[in-house]
Amino acid sequence: MKQLTRSALILAGAAALAAARPAALPNPWTVVVGNGPFAGTYKAKADEVMCFHYKAQKMLGASFRDFDAKDAHALGDGGIKIDNPDAPGPKTADLHVSFGDDKKRSMTYDVYNAPATVTPKGKGADITGAGKTKEGVAIRITANCAEIETM
C-alpha cells in the first residue's frame, strides 16, 4: 500500500509535467526535514510542481520530480496527497520526499496519515501536512498552489 501511494504521487506528477499544457503559474513547494542527516529546508522548482484534484479518486495533492538532480543531498521528488479532501472534518495526508540522483536515491522519507490543512485561495489552495516517519524524522511539506488542475 505504501509503495502504491508513493507511486501514485510520483506518477501523477510526472505524467502531468510530461504532458503538453499551457504555461501554468508557479506553485512553490517546500519541505522541512526537522532532524537527521538531511535536516534543513528544501524548495522544489516552482514551475515543476503539479497541483491536482482528482475528483473521481477523491484525491487532492501536489507533486514534483527533478529529473536533473545529481547531488546526493539534492531534492529529487516528493508529494503531498490528501484523501477525501471534500469531506467535512479534519484532513490527513500522505507525505513523500526523496533526495539524490534520479537513478539512485540516497534517502526517502514517507509519512502516512499526517495531520493536514487545505486553505482555498482563488483557483488554488495552500496545502500543508506535517508528521514524523516511523524512524522519528520530522517532515513538513507545504505547497502553495496558484492553480489546481481538476480531473
Protein backbone atom coordinates (compact mmCIF):
# COMPACT_ATOMS: atom_id res chain seq x y z
CA MET A 1 0.00 0.00 0.00
CA LYS A 2 2.85 2.39 0.86
CA GLN A 3 4.54 1.72 -2.47
CA LEU A 4 1.23 2.23 -4.26
CA THR A 5 0.71 5.62 -2.60
CA ARG A 6 4.25 6.72 -3.37
CA SER A 7 3.96 5.51 -6.96
CA ALA A 8 0.65 7.31 -7.41
CA LEU A 9 2.16 10.60 -6.20
CA ILE A 10 5.22 10.34 -8.41
CA LEU A 11 3.38 9.11 -11.49
CA ALA A 12 0.66 11.73 -11.18
CA GLY A 13 3.23 14.49 -11.02
CA ALA A 14 5.50 13.12 -13.72
CA ALA A 15 2.64 12.40 -16.13
CA ALA A 16 1.19 15.83 -15.71
CA LEU A 17 4.57 17.52 -16.13
CA ALA A 18 5.41 15.50 -19.21
CA ALA A 19 2.12 16.27 -20.93
CA ALA A 20 2.00 19.33 -23.15
CA ARG A 21 -0.02 22.00 -21.41
CA PRO A 22 -0.19 25.78 -21.41
CA ALA A 23 2.21 27.58 -19.12
CA ALA A 24 0.87 27.37 -15.60
CA LEU A 25 1.52 29.69 -12.72
CA PRO A 26 4.37 28.54 -10.49
CA ASN A 27 3.42 26.51 -7.44
CA PRO A 28 6.01 26.95 -4.65
CA TRP A 29 6.63 23.69 -2.76
CA THR A 30 8.72 23.50 0.41
CA VAL A 31 9.77 20.61 2.61
CA VAL A 32 11.33 21.00 6.03
CA VAL A 33 13.20 18.00 7.39
CA GLY A 34 13.43 18.61 11.13
CA ASN A 35 16.23 16.24 12.09
CA GLY A 36 18.59 13.59 10.80
CA PRO A 37 21.28 13.69 8.12
CA PHE A 38 19.06 15.63 5.68
CA ALA A 39 17.79 18.21 8.19
CA GLY A 40 17.05 21.53 6.53
CA THR A 41 14.62 23.44 4.34
CA TYR A 42 14.36 22.50 0.66
CA LYS A 43 12.41 24.16 -2.14
CA ALA A 44 11.28 22.45 -5.32
CA LYS A 45 11.46 24.26 -8.65
CA ALA A 46 8.09 26.03 -8.51
CA ASP A 47 7.45 25.66 -12.24
CA GLU A 48 7.86 21.87 -11.96
CA VAL A 49 5.26 21.39 -9.22
CA MET A 50 1.92 19.95 -10.27
CA CYS A 51 -1.14 20.61 -8.12
CA PHE A 52 -4.08 18.31 -8.81
CA HIS A 53 -7.57 17.39 -7.68
CA TYR A 54 -8.75 14.02 -8.97
CA LYS A 55 -12.43 14.15 -8.14
CA ALA A 56 -13.27 10.56 -9.11
CA GLN A 57 -10.41 9.24 -6.96
CA LYS A 58 -11.23 11.70 -4.14
CA MET A 59 -7.63 12.94 -4.02
CA LEU A 60 -6.01 16.38 -3.76
CA GLY A 61 -2.30 16.94 -3.80
CA ALA A 62 0.89 18.39 -5.17
CA SER A 63 3.93 16.60 -6.51
CA PHE A 64 7.15 17.23 -8.37
CA ARG A 65 10.19 15.46 -9.74
CA ASP A 66 13.58 16.94 -10.56
CA PHE A 67 14.98 14.85 -13.41
CA ASP A 68 18.22 16.87 -13.22
CA ALA A 69 19.01 16.14 -9.54
CA LYS A 70 22.64 14.98 -9.38
CA ASP A 71 23.86 15.54 -5.83
CA ALA A 72 23.11 13.03 -3.03
CA HIS A 73 21.51 15.85 -1.00
CA ALA A 74 19.56 17.34 -3.91
CA LEU A 75 15.77 17.31 -3.63
CA GLY A 76 14.73 14.59 -6.12
CA ASP A 77 10.98 14.14 -5.88
CA GLY A 78 8.14 14.46 -3.45
CA GLY A 79 4.47 14.92 -2.88
CA ILE A 80 1.63 15.54 -0.52
CA LYS A 81 -1.65 13.67 -1.05
CA ILE A 82 -4.89 14.27 0.79
CA ASP A 83 -7.64 11.64 0.53
CA ASN A 84 -11.28 12.76 0.57
CA PRO A 85 -10.46 16.49 0.50
CA ASP A 86 -14.12 17.46 0.06
CA ALA A 87 -15.34 15.50 3.09
CA PRO A 88 -16.11 17.53 6.22
CA GLY A 89 -13.79 17.31 9.20
CA PRO A 90 -10.06 17.14 9.82
CA LYS A 91 -7.80 16.21 6.92
CA THR A 92 -4.90 13.78 6.80
CA ALA A 93 -2.15 13.49 4.22
CA ASP A 94 0.50 11.11 2.97
CA LEU A 95 3.87 12.84 2.62
CA HIS A 96 6.77 11.68 0.47
CA VAL A 97 10.20 13.17 -0.22
CA SER A 98 13.32 11.66 -1.80
CA PHE A 99 16.83 13.01 -2.14
CA GLY A 100 19.55 12.26 -4.63
CA ASP A 101 20.16 11.42 -8.23
CA ASP A 102 17.16 10.46 -10.39
CA LYS A 103 18.52 6.93 -10.91
CA LYS A 104 19.73 6.34 -7.35
CA ARG A 105 18.00 7.96 -4.40
CA SER A 106 20.17 8.46 -1.32
CA MET A 107 17.27 8.91 1.14
CA THR A 108 13.50 8.60 1.07
CA TYR A 109 11.10 9.73 3.78
CA ASP A 110 7.42 8.76 3.97
CA VAL A 111 4.76 9.78 6.48
CA TYR A 112 1.24 8.36 6.38
CA ASN A 113 -1.98 9.86 7.77
CA ALA A 114 -0.28 13.06 8.95
CA PRO A 115 -2.49 15.96 10.08
CA ALA A 116 -3.05 18.32 7.15
CA THR A 117 -4.73 21.58 6.20
CA VAL A 118 -6.17 22.87 2.95
CA THR A 119 -6.75 26.61 2.64
CA PRO A 120 -8.56 27.52 -0.61
CA LYS A 121 -7.26 30.64 -2.39
CA GLY A 122 -9.00 31.63 -5.61
CA LYS A 123 -8.32 28.91 -8.21
CA GLY A 124 -5.72 27.33 -5.95
CA ALA A 125 -5.03 26.40 -2.35
CA ASP A 126 -2.32 26.15 0.26
CA ILE A 127 -1.81 22.51 1.22
CA THR A 128 0.24 21.63 4.30
CA GLY A 129 0.97 18.40 6.13
CA ALA A 130 3.38 17.54 8.93
CA GLY A 131 4.33 14.41 10.82
CA LYS A 132 7.12 12.01 11.69
CA THR A 133 8.44 8.99 9.83
CA LYS A 134 8.48 5.65 11.63
CA GLU A 135 12.15 6.40 12.35
CA GLY A 136 11.17 9.66 14.09
CA VAL A 137 12.28 12.14 11.40
CA ALA A 138 10.02 15.22 11.38
CA ILE A 139 8.74 16.23 7.93
CA ARG A 140 6.63 19.25 6.95
CA ILE A 141 5.51 19.82 3.36
CA THR A 142 3.81 22.99 2.15
CA ALA A 143 2.52 23.50 -1.38
CA ASN A 144 1.24 26.95 -2.35
CA CYS A 145 -0.84 26.03 -5.39
CA ALA A 146 -1.71 29.05 -7.53
CA GLU A 147 -3.76 26.77 -9.78
CA ILE A 148 -5.09 23.27 -9.22
CA GLU A 149 -5.73 21.05 -12.21
CA THR A 150 -9.05 19.30 -11.77
CA MET A 151 -9.60 16.00 -13.48
